Amino acid sequence: MALLTLPAVAKLNLFLHIVGQRADGYHNLQTLFQFVNFGDELSFQLRDSSEITISCSEPSLETDDNLVLKAAKLLAEAAPQSLPGIHIHIEKKLPFGGGLGGGSSDAATTLLALRHLWQLPLNDDELAAMGLQLGADVPVFVRGQAAFAEGVGEYLQPAQPPCPWYLVIHPGVQISTPSIFKHPDLPRQHPPLKWPQWSWENTNNDCEVLVRRLYPEVAKALDWLVEYAPSRLTGTGACIFGRFDNETDARAALQRMPAQWTGFVARGLNENPVCQQLRQASTVNLTNKTEV
């Protein structure tokens, strides 16, 4: 059967403010999500059987806890009719534990792809609500627009931030998001921002000071990158990013990056490219049906 291959791009938190903690232990946030044109790649192949299976270029991720598998099963369980099975292969390029939303993006691409392949009558609101069951960052990838987010990340307003070039660096450490949010020294009372009154200069990442202290390699990377461009932690880390006016300068900095770190250069995007590709695929399918 035909193979459908789609991107699952990374996101950056252009800022991250923690404006309070709720009674259930979760935190109220304000953040600005933007996509970049670099990420994982997922391939979907319908099967003759009803079985849902995955494979991954990183074999350690081939577990029942993989968000791709959970997303596919969640969608199948919600369908009103029996569906053909699917095999999904994940070509992993994004580091896990990096704050780039790799697992969430993979899950969102899975939901969007299977809605298309299985021809399910679900709108974006319904699909985003399903995504929220998998993780707080999944809805922004499903909706496919750069967004200002509040709550735990589920209240989204479309945004159009500038789209510079970024150098994204992974300093070689993994950071547990729950461990940062549970830490007693995390600041939790940032005055709420009145959207859209934001700029790079009047925002920050509230996790950055704590992550710097707990992970010296992240601090070292931030101190190195800020010599080349305005730089910041994304999410709870471990990845950091620098903002450049052009690709040439970003790639020049990448060439000088210390060898113990990994990194990539990417352009900011205000639309998730998987949404563009699936719109085009749907248009082609509709045209073919009309011609028949």
C-alpha atoms as a PDB file:
ATOM      1  CA  MET A   1       0.000   0.000   0.000  1.00  0.00           C
ATOM      2  CA  ALA A   2       1.073   3.612  -0.594  1.00  0.00           C
ATOM      3  CA  LEU A   3       3.394   5.231   1.935  1.00  0.00           C
ATOM      4  CA  LEU A   4       2.623   8.657   3.391  1.00  0.00           C
ATOM      5  CA  THR A   5       5.679  10.449   4.791  1.00  0.00           C
ATOM      6  CA  LEU A   6       5.254  13.623   6.829  1.00  0.00           C
ATOM      7  CA  PRO A   7       7.371  15.966   8.974  1.00  0.00           C
ATOM      8  CA  ALA A   8       7.128  16.335  12.743  1.00  0.00           C
ATOM      9  CA  VAL A   9       8.971  19.603  13.324  1.00  0.00           C
ATOM     10  CA  ALA A  10      10.408  21.064  16.508  1.00  0.00           C
ATOM     11  CA  LYS A  11       8.974  23.975  18.457  1.00  0.00           C
ATOM     12  CA  LEU A  12      10.680  26.694  20.433  1.00  0.00           C
ATOM     13  CA  ASN A  13       9.332  28.540  23.451  1.00  0.00           C
ATOM     14  CA  LEU A  14      10.311  32.089  22.525  1.00  0.00           C
ATOM     15  CA  PHE A  15       9.612  32.935  26.160  1.00  0.00           C
ATOM     16  CA  LEU A  16       8.194  31.038  29.138  1.00  0.00           C
ATOM     17  CA  HIS A  17       6.669  32.787  32.144  1.00  0.00           C
ATOM     18  CA  ILE A  18       5.260  30.933  35.160  1.00  0.00           C
ATOM     19  CA  VAL A  19       2.432  33.080  36.500  1.00  0.00           C
ATOM     20  CA  GLY A  20       1.144  30.818  39.275  1.00  0.00           C
ATOM     21  CA  GLN A  21       0.633  27.305  40.602  1.00  0.00           C
ATOM     22  CA  ARG A  22      -2.731  25.589  40.734  1.00  0.00           C
ATOM     23  CA  ALA A  23      -4.199  23.508  43.552  1.00  0.00           C
ATOM     24  CA  ASP A  24      -3.637  20.330  41.523  1.00  0.00           C
ATOM     25  CA  GLY A  25       0.108  21.037  41.378  1.00  0.00           C
ATOM     26  CA  TYR A  26       0.184  22.091  37.730  1.00  0.00           C
ATOM     27  CA  HIS A  27       1.470  25.527  36.787  1.00  0.00           C
ATOM     28  CA  ASN A  28      -0.215  28.367  34.938  1.00  0.00           C
ATOM     29  CA  LEU A  29       2.071  29.477  32.139  1.00  0.00           C
ATOM     30  CA  GLN A  30       2.382  32.104  29.485  1.00  0.00           C
ATOM     31  CA  THR A  31       4.510  31.168  26.505  1.00  0.00           C
ATOM     32  CA  LEU A  32       4.935  31.847  22.810  1.00  0.00           C
ATOM     33  CA  PHE A  33       5.269  28.763  20.603  1.00  0.00           C
ATOM     34  CA  GLN A  34       6.937  28.922  17.211  1.00  0.00           C
ATOM     35  CA  PHE A  35       7.831  26.042  14.892  1.00  0.00           C
ATOM     36  CA  VAL A  36      11.116  25.585  13.026  1.00  0.00           C
ATOM     37  CA  ASN A  37      11.776  23.786   9.744  1.00  0.00           C
ATOM     38  CA  PHE A  38      13.699  20.895  11.289  1.00  0.00           C
ATOM     39  CA  GLY A  39      12.463  17.777  13.017  1.00  0.00           C
ATOM     40  CA  ASP A  40      11.560  14.112  12.903  1.00  0.00           C
ATOM     41  CA  GLU A  41      10.001  12.328   9.932  1.00  0.00           C
ATOM     42  CA  LEU A  42       7.128   9.846  10.184  1.00  0.00           C
ATOM     43  CA  SER A  43       6.034   7.319   7.561  1.00  0.00           C
ATOM     44  CA  PHE A  44       2.543   5.779   7.589  1.00  0.00           C
ATOM     45  CA  GLN A  45       1.564   2.614   5.767  1.00  0.00           C
ATOM     46  CA  LEU A  46      -1.906   1.108   5.926  1.00  0.00           C
ATOM     47  CA  ARG A  47      -2.047  -2.636   6.626  1.00  0.00           C
ATOM     48  CA  ASP A  48      -4.377  -5.413   5.561  1.00  0.00           C
ATOM     49  CA  SER A  49      -4.808  -6.400   9.204  1.00  0.00           C
ATOM     50  CA  SER A  50      -6.197  -4.196  12.010  1.00  0.00           C
ATOM     51  CA  GLU A  51      -2.878  -4.157  13.889  1.00  0.00           C
ATOM     52  CA  ILE A  52      -1.189  -0.866  14.877  1.00  0.00           C
ATOM     53  CA  THR A  53       2.604  -1.101  15.053  1.00  0.00           C
ATOM     54  CA  ILE A  54       5.575   1.254  15.185  1.00  0.00           C
ATOM     55  CA  SER A  55       9.277   1.153  14.444  1.00  0.00           C
ATOM     56  CA  CYS A  56      11.902   3.784  15.133  1.00  0.00           C
ATOM     57  CA  SER A  57      15.429   4.662  14.088  1.00  0.00           C
ATOM     58  CA  GLU A  58      16.073   4.860  17.851  1.00  0.00           C
ATOM     59  CA  PRO A  59      15.103   1.312  18.976  1.00  0.00           C
ATOM     60  CA  SER A  60      14.881   2.295  22.650  1.00  0.00           C
ATOM     61  CA  LEU A  61      11.748   4.303  21.774  1.00  0.00           C
ATOM     62  CA  GLU A  62       9.873   1.268  20.419  1.00  0.00           C
ATOM     63  CA  THR A  63       7.784   0.844  23.582  1.00  0.00           C
ATOM     64  CA  ASP A  64       4.127   0.967  24.587  1.00  0.00           C
ATOM     65  CA  ASP A  65       4.805   4.378  26.143  1.00  0.00           C
ATOM     66  CA  ASN A  66       5.681   5.955  22.788  1.00  0.00           C
ATOM     67  CA  LEU A  67       3.298   8.857  22.175  1.00  0.00           C
ATOM     68  CA  VAL A  68       2.958   7.905  18.509  1.00  0.00           C
ATOM     69  CA  LEU A  69       1.547   4.508  19.425  1.00  0.00           C
ATOM     70  CA  LYS A  70      -0.674   6.052  22.101  1.00  0.00           C
ATOM     71  CA  ALA A  71      -1.972   8.645  19.627  1.00  0.00           C
ATOM     72  CA  ALA A  72      -2.803   6.022  17.002  1.00  0.00           C
ATOM     73  CA  LYS A  73      -4.632   3.803  19.515  1.00  0.00           C
ATOM     74  CA  LEU A  74      -6.508   6.750  21.013  1.00  0.00           C
ATOM     75  CA  LEU A  75      -7.777   7.753  17.581  1.00  0.00           C
ATOM     76  CA  ALA A  76      -8.692   4.181  16.647  1.00  0.00           C
ATOM     77  CA  GLU A  77     -10.668   3.746  19.870  1.00  0.00           C
ATOM     78  CA  ALA A  78     -12.642   6.921  19.157  1.00  0.00           C
ATOM     79  CA  ALA A  79     -13.593   5.861  15.626  1.00  0.00           C
ATOM     80  CA  PRO A  80     -17.210   4.759  15.075  1.00  0.00           C
ATOM     81  CA  GLN A  81     -16.195   1.964  12.703  1.00  0.00           C
ATOM     82  CA  SER A  82     -13.475  -0.655  12.393  1.00  0.00           C
ATOM     83  CA  LEU A  83     -10.381   0.687  10.669  1.00  0.00           C
ATOM     84  CA  PRO A  84      -7.487  -0.762   8.689  1.00  0.00           C
ATOM     85  CA  GLY A  85      -4.298  -1.202  10.678  1.00  0.00           C
ATOM     86  CA  ILE A  86      -1.266   1.020  10.315  1.00  0.00           C
ATOM     87  CA  HIS A  87       2.487   0.711  10.582  1.00  0.00           C
ATOM     88  CA  ILE A  88       4.292   3.912  11.566  1.00  0.00           C
ATOM     89  CA  HIS A  89       8.037   4.404  11.254  1.00  0.00           C
ATOM     90  CA  ILE A  90       9.678   7.263  13.160  1.00  0.00           C
ATOM     91  CA  GLU A  91      12.935   8.661  11.827  1.00  0.00           C
ATOM     92  CA  LYS A  92      14.222  10.409  14.939  1.00  0.00           C
ATOM     93  CA  LYS A  93      16.296  13.555  14.467  1.00  0.00           C
ATOM     94  CA  LEU A  94      15.287  15.608  17.494  1.00  0.00           C
ATOM     95  CA  PRO A  95      16.903  14.882  20.870  1.00  0.00           C
ATOM     96  CA  PHE A  96      14.557  13.657  23.592  1.00  0.00           C
ATOM     97  CA  GLY A  97      14.521  15.568  26.847  1.00  0.00           C
ATOM     98  CA  GLY A  98      15.536  18.671  24.914  1.00  0.00           C
ATOM     99  CA  GLY A  99      12.528  20.955  25.273  1.00  0.00           C
ATOM    100  CA  LEU A 100      11.846  20.914  21.518  1.00  0.00           C
ATOM    101  CA  GLY A 101       8.531  19.068  21.743  1.00  0.00           C
ATOM    102  CA  GLY A 102       9.707  16.131  19.656  1.00  0.00           C
ATOM    103  CA  GLY A 103       7.402  13.553  21.219  1.00  0.00           C
ATOM    104  CA  SER A 104       4.439  15.946  21.140  1.00  0.00           C
ATOM    105  CA  SER A 105       5.086  16.816  17.507  1.00  0.00           C
ATOM    106  CA  ASP A 106       5.320  13.117  16.590  1.00  0.00           C
ATOM    107  CA  ALA A 107       1.979  12.507  18.330  1.00  0.00           C
ATOM    108  CA  ALA A 108       0.319  15.458  16.598  1.00  0.00           C
ATOM    109  CA  THR A 109       1.568  14.395  13.165  1.00  0.00           C
ATOM    110  CA  THR A 110       0.175  10.930  13.899  1.00  0.00           C
ATOM    111  CA  LEU A 111      -3.269  12.300  14.802  1.00  0.00           C
ATOM    112  CA  LEU A 112      -3.359  14.519  11.714  1.00  0.00           C
ATOM    113  CA  ALA A 113      -2.080  11.815   9.360  1.00  0.00           C
ATOM    114  CA  LEU A 114      -4.475   9.140  10.601  1.00  0.00           C
ATOM    115  CA  ARG A 115      -7.464  11.484  10.465  1.00  0.00           C
ATOM    116  CA  HIS A 116      -6.559  11.917   6.785  1.00  0.00           C
ATOM    117  CA  LEU A 117      -5.801   8.256   6.024  1.00  0.00           C
ATOM    118  CA  TRP A 118      -8.774   6.869   7.948  1.00  0.00           C
ATOM    119  CA  GLN A 119     -11.048   9.687   6.664  1.00  0.00           C
ATOM    120  CA  LEU A 120     -12.385  10.439  10.135  1.00  0.00           C
ATOM    121  CA  PRO A 121     -14.980  13.231  10.560  1.00  0.00           C
ATOM    122  CA  LEU A 122     -13.083  15.050  13.325  1.00  0.00           C
ATOM    123  CA  ASN A 123     -12.446  18.800  13.301  1.00  0.00           C
ATOM    124  CA  ASP A 124      -9.317  20.480  14.659  1.00  0.00           C
ATOM    125  CA  ASP A 125     -10.969  21.291  18.001  1.00  0.00           C
ATOM    126  CA  GLU A 126     -11.843  17.637  18.566  1.00  0.00           C
ATOM    127  CA  LEU A 127      -8.410  16.468  17.461  1.00  0.00           C
ATOM    128  CA  ALA A 128      -6.649  19.024  19.690  1.00  0.00           C
ATOM    129  CA  ALA A 129      -8.754  17.893  22.678  1.00  0.00           C
ATOM    130  CA  MET A 130      -7.600  14.337  22.045  1.00  0.00           C
ATOM    131  CA  GLY A 131      -4.031  15.570  21.774  1.00  0.00           C
ATOM    132  CA  LEU A 132      -4.274  17.262  25.168  1.00  0.00           C
ATOM    133  CA  GLN A 133      -4.841  13.809  26.700  1.00  0.00           C
ATOM    134  CA  LEU A 134      -1.366  12.888  25.419  1.00  0.00           C
ATOM    135  CA  GLY A 135       0.491  16.031  26.473  1.00  0.00           C
ATOM    136  CA  ALA A 136       0.120  19.781  27.010  1.00  0.00           C
ATOM    137  CA  ASP A 137       2.181  20.658  23.911  1.00  0.00           C
ATOM    138  CA  VAL A 138       0.296  18.405  21.465  1.00  0.00           C
ATOM    139  CA  PRO A 139      -2.612  20.817  20.707  1.00  0.00           C
ATOM    140  CA  VAL A 140      -0.394  23.588  19.313  1.00  0.00           C
ATOM    141  CA  PHE A 141       1.107  21.145  16.812  1.00  0.00           C
ATOM    142  CA  VAL A 142      -2.369  19.854  15.871  1.00  0.00           C
ATOM    143  CA  ARG A 143      -3.757  23.344  15.306  1.00  0.00           C
ATOM    144  CA  GLY A 144      -0.641  24.147  13.324  1.00  0.00           C
ATOM    145  CA  GLN A 145      -0.263  27.847  14.090  1.00  0.00           C
ATOM    146  CA  ALA A 146       2.372  29.684  16.094  1.00  0.00           C
ATOM    147  CA  ALA A 147       0.546  30.661  19.260  1.00  0.00           C
ATOM    148  CA  PHE A 148       0.547  32.522  22.533  1.00  0.00           C
ATOM    149  CA  ALA A 149      -0.418  29.911  25.125  1.00  0.00           C
ATOM    150  CA  GLU A 150      -1.818  30.147  28.636  1.00  0.00           C
ATOM    151  CA  GLY A 151      -3.038  27.701  31.267  1.00  0.00           C
ATOM    152  CA  VAL A 152      -0.863  24.593  31.095  1.00  0.00           C
ATOM    153  CA  GLY A 153      -0.457  25.392  27.409  1.00  0.00           C
ATOM    154  CA  GLU A 154      -3.954  24.473  26.231  1.00  0.00           C
ATOM    155  CA  TYR A 155      -5.408  27.984  25.756  1.00  0.00           C
ATOM    156  CA  LEU A 156      -4.032  29.139  22.426  1.00  0.00           C
ATOM    157  CA  GLN A 157      -4.216  32.407  20.517  1.00  0.00           C
ATOM    158  CA  PRO A 158      -2.754  32.443  16.975  1.00  0.00           C
ATOM    159  CA  ALA A 159       0.371  34.580  16.721  1.00  0.00           C
ATOM    160  CA  GLN A 160       2.639  35.887  13.994  1.00  0.00           C
ATOM    161  CA  PRO A 161       6.074  36.462  15.561  1.00  0.00           C
ATOM    162  CA  PRO A 162       9.017  37.314  13.301  1.00  0.00           C
ATOM    163  CA  CYS A 163      10.630  34.301  11.607  1.00  0.00           C
ATOM    164  CA  PRO A 164      14.397  34.660  12.066  1.00  0.00           C
ATOM    165  CA  TRP A 165      17.018  31.967  11.694  1.00  0.00           C
ATOM    166  CA  TYR A 166      17.910  29.996  14.809  1.00  0.00           C
ATOM    167  CA  LEU A 167      20.912  28.029  15.939  1.00  0.00           C
ATOM    168  CA  VAL A 168      19.620  25.337  18.293  1.00  0.00           C
ATOM    169  CA  ILE A 169      22.152  23.595  20.533  1.00  0.00           C
ATOM    170  CA  HIS A 170      21.785  20.466  22.631  1.00  0.00           C
ATOM    171  CA  PRO A 171      24.473  20.501  25.356  1.00  0.00           C
ATOM    172  CA  GLY A 172      24.414  16.712  25.787  1.00  0.00           C
ATOM    173  CA  VAL A 173      22.332  16.462  28.964  1.00  0.00           C
ATOM    174  CA  GLN A 174      18.734  15.338  29.501  1.00  0.00           C
ATOM    175  CA  ILE A 175      16.417  17.317  31.745  1.00  0.00           C
ATOM    176  CA  SER A 176      13.238  15.957  33.317  1.00  0.00           C
ATOM    177  CA  THR A 177      10.452  18.521  32.959  1.00  0.00           C
ATOM    178  CA  PRO A 178       8.632  17.315  36.134  1.00  0.00           C
ATOM    179  CA  SER A 179      11.821  17.681  38.173  1.00  0.00           C
ATOM    180  CA  ILE A 180      12.139  21.345  37.164  1.00  0.00           C
ATOM    181  CA  PHE A 181       8.479  22.167  37.810  1.00  0.00           C
ATOM    182  CA  LYS A 182       8.594  20.451  41.211  1.00  0.00           C
ATOM    183  CA  HIS A 183      11.786  22.220  42.325  1.00  0.00           C
ATOM    184  CA  PRO A 184      11.212  24.563  45.288  1.00  0.00           C
ATOM    185  CA  ASP A 185      13.495  27.241  43.812  1.00  0.00           C
ATOM    186  CA  LEU A 186      11.539  27.635  40.580  1.00  0.00           C
ATOM    187  CA  PRO A 187      10.020  31.154  40.370  1.00  0.00           C
ATOM    188  CA  ARG A 188       6.228  30.917  40.132  1.00  0.00           C
ATOM    189  CA  GLN A 189       4.852  34.466  40.375  1.00  0.00           C
ATOM    190  CA  HIS A 190       5.775  36.200  37.122  1.00  0.00           C
ATOM    191  CA  PRO A 191       3.391  39.149  36.561  1.00  0.00           C
ATOM    192  CA  PRO A 192       1.047  38.196  33.692  1.00  0.00           C
ATOM    193  CA  LEU A 193       1.899  39.625  30.299  1.00  0.00           C
ATOM    194  CA  LYS A 194      -0.832  41.522  28.433  1.00  0.00           C
ATOM    195  CA  TRP A 195      -0.831  39.865  25.043  1.00  0.00           C
ATOM    196  CA  PRO A 196       0.270  40.933  22.447  1.00  0.00           C
ATOM    197  CA  GLN A 197       2.505  43.387  24.305  1.00  0.00           C
ATOM    198  CA  TRP A 198       5.651  41.308  24.138  1.00  0.00           C
ATOM    199  CA  SER A 199       9.180  41.624  22.829  1.00  0.00           C
ATOM    200  CA  TRP A 200      12.377  39.669  23.257  1.00  0.00           C
ATOM    201  CA  GLU A 201      13.584  42.343  25.669  1.00  0.00           C
ATOM    202  CA  ASN A 202      10.546  42.273  28.017  1.00  0.00           C
ATOM    203  CA  THR A 203      10.349  38.472  28.264  1.00  0.00           C
ATOM    204  CA  ASN A 204      12.517  35.606  29.488  1.00  0.00           C
ATOM    205  CA  ASN A 205      12.391  31.903  30.383  1.00  0.00           C
ATOM    206  CA  ASP A 206      11.619  31.556  34.097  1.00  0.00           C
ATOM    207  CA  CYS A 207      13.237  28.105  34.169  1.00  0.00           C
ATOM    208  CA  GLU A 208      16.587  29.319  32.896  1.00  0.00           C
ATOM    209  CA  VAL A 209      18.250  30.483  36.136  1.00  0.00           C
ATOM    210  CA  LEU A 210      17.403  27.210  37.903  1.00  0.00           C
ATOM    211  CA  VAL A 211      18.448  25.040  34.930  1.00  0.00           C
ATOM    212  CA  ARG A 212      21.733  26.951  34.690  1.00  0.00           C
ATOM    213  CA  ARG A 213      22.455  26.164  38.325  1.00  0.00           C
ATOM    214  CA  LEU A 214      21.496  22.499  38.155  1.00  0.00           C
ATOM    215  CA  TYR A 215      23.093  21.757  34.779  1.00  0.00           C
ATOM    216  CA  PRO A 216      26.469  23.497  34.351  1.00  0.00           C
ATOM    217  CA  GLU A 217      26.779  22.299  30.732  1.00  0.00           C
ATOM    218  CA  VAL A 218      23.612  24.215  29.824  1.00  0.00           C
ATOM    219  CA  ALA A 219      25.051  27.316  31.489  1.00  0.00           C
ATOM    220  CA  LYS A 220      28.267  26.869  29.538  1.00  0.00           C
ATOM    221  CA  ALA A 221      26.389  26.573  26.250  1.00  0.00           C
ATOM    222  CA  LEU A 222      24.281  29.665  26.961  1.00  0.00           C
ATOM    223  CA  ASP A 223      27.361  31.676  27.864  1.00  0.00           C
ATOM    224  CA  TRP A 224      29.018  30.581  24.599  1.00  0.00           C
ATOM    225  CA  LEU A 225      26.027  31.212  22.328  1.00  0.00           C
ATOM    226  CA  VAL A 226      25.195  34.663  23.699  1.00  0.00           C
ATOM    227  CA  GLU A 227      28.523  35.859  22.260  1.00  0.00           C
ATOM    228  CA  TYR A 228      26.963  35.340  18.805  1.00  0.00           C
ATOM    229  CA  ALA A 229      23.272  36.134  19.207  1.00  0.00           C
ATOM    230  CA  PRO A 230      20.479  36.812  21.721  1.00  0.00           C
ATOM    231  CA  SER A 231      20.030  33.393  23.329  1.00  0.00           C
ATOM    232  CA  ARG A 232      17.573  31.582  25.564  1.00  0.00           C
ATOM    233  CA  LEU A 233      16.548  28.203  26.974  1.00  0.00           C
ATOM    234  CA  THR A 234      13.535  26.563  25.292  1.00  0.00           C
ATOM    235  CA  GLY A 235      10.965  24.977  27.596  1.00  0.00           C
ATOM    236  CA  THR A 236      12.728  23.392  30.565  1.00  0.00           C
ATOM    237  CA  GLY A 237      15.696  22.550  28.321  1.00  0.00           C
ATOM    238  CA  ALA A 238      18.156  21.102  27.743  1.00  0.00           C
ATOM    239  CA  CYS A 239      18.197  22.770  24.315  1.00  0.00           C
ATOM    240  CA  ILE A 240      19.010  26.436  23.900  1.00  0.00           C
ATOM    241  CA  PHE A 241      18.603  28.668  20.867  1.00  0.00           C
ATOM    242  CA  GLY A 242      20.149  31.821  19.462  1.00  0.00           C
ATOM    243  CA  ARG A 243      18.260  34.234  17.188  1.00  0.00           C
ATOM    244  CA  PHE A 244      20.014  35.339  13.975  1.00  0.00           C
ATOM    245  CA  ASP A 245      19.057  37.770  11.212  1.00  0.00           C
ATOM    246  CA  ASN A 246      20.283  35.465   8.445  1.00  0.00           C
ATOM    247  CA  GLU A 247      21.222  31.864   7.728  1.00  0.00           C
ATOM    248  CA  THR A 248      24.861  32.673   6.931  1.00  0.00           C
ATOM    249  CA  ASP A 249      25.613  34.023  10.405  1.00  0.00           C
ATOM    250  CA  ALA A 250      23.768  31.148  12.086  1.00  0.00           C
ATOM    251  CA  ARG A 251      25.743  28.542  10.128  1.00  0.00           C
ATOM    252  CA  ALA A 252      29.010  30.361  10.822  1.00  0.00           C
ATOM    253  CA  ALA A 253      28.305  30.097  14.559  1.00  0.00           C
ATOM    254  CA  LEU A 254      27.398  26.408  14.149  1.00  0.00           C
ATOM    255  CA  GLN A 255      30.794  25.790  12.548  1.00  0.00           C
ATOM    256  CA  ARG A 256      32.497  27.277  15.625  1.00  0.00           C
ATOM    257  CA  MET A 257      30.371  25.346  18.128  1.00  0.00           C
ATOM    258  CA  PRO A 258      32.396  23.202  20.560  1.00  0.00           C
ATOM    259  CA  ALA A 259      32.540  19.583  19.444  1.00  0.00           C
ATOM    260  CA  GLN A 260      30.976  18.152  22.624  1.00  0.00           C
ATOM    261  CA  TRP A 261      27.582  19.646  21.722  1.00  0.00           C
ATOM    262  CA  THR A 262      25.219  18.931  18.841  1.00  0.00           C
ATOM    263  CA  GLY A 263      23.177  21.512  16.998  1.00  0.00           C
ATOM    264  CA  PHE A 264      21.287  22.535  13.898  1.00  0.00           C
ATOM    265  CA  VAL A 265      20.274  25.676  12.024  1.00  0.00           C
ATOM    266  CA  ALA A 266      16.605  26.213  11.172  1.00  0.00           C
ATOM    267  CA  ARG A 267      14.189  28.934  10.107  1.00  0.00           C
ATOM    268  CA  GLY A 268      11.291  29.993  12.291  1.00  0.00           C
ATOM    269  CA  LEU A 269       7.848  28.998  10.951  1.00  0.00           C
ATOM    270  CA  ASN A 270       4.417  30.259  11.926  1.00  0.00           C
ATOM    271  CA  GLU A 271       2.613  27.284  10.348  1.00  0.00           C
ATOM    272  CA  ASN A 272       3.285  23.618  11.009  1.00  0.00           C
ATOM    273  CA  PRO A 273       4.335  22.201   7.599  1.00  0.00           C
ATOM    274  CA  VAL A 274       2.492  18.924   8.201  1.00  0.00           C
ATOM    275  CA  CYS A 275      -0.778  20.874   8.051  1.00  0.00           C
ATOM    276  CA  GLN A 276       0.223  22.418   4.716  1.00  0.00           C
ATOM    277  CA  GLN A 277       1.154  19.037   3.253  1.00  0.00           C
ATOM    278  CA  LEU A 278      -2.079  17.362   4.358  1.00  0.00           C
ATOM    279  CA  ARG A 279      -4.159  20.221   2.934  1.00  0.00           C
ATOM    280  CA  GLN A 280      -2.414  19.712  -0.386  1.00  0.00           C
ATOM    281  CA  ALA A 281      -2.955  15.944  -0.211  1.00  0.00           C
ATOM    282  CA  SER A 282      -6.651  16.449   0.543  1.00  0.00           C
ATOM    283  CA  THR A 283      -6.980  18.825  -2.403  1.00  0.00           C
ATOM    284  CA  VAL A 284      -5.359  16.289  -4.724  1.00  0.00           C
ATOM    285  CA  ASN A 285      -7.687  13.533  -3.466  1.00  0.00           C
ATOM    286  CA  LEU A 286     -10.748  15.745  -3.932  1.00  0.00           C
ATOM    287  CA  THR A 287      -9.652  16.692  -7.454  1.00  0.00           C
ATOM    288  CA  ASN A 288      -9.136  13.034  -8.377  1.00  0.00           C
ATOM    289  CA  LYS A 289     -12.599  12.116  -7.080  1.00  0.00           C
ATOM    290  CA  THR A 290     -14.164  14.992  -9.056  1.00  0.00           C
ATOM    291  CA  GLU A 291     -12.404  13.922 -12.246  1.00  0.00           C
ATOM    292  CA  VAL A 292     -13.668  10.366 -11.830  1.00  0.00           C
END
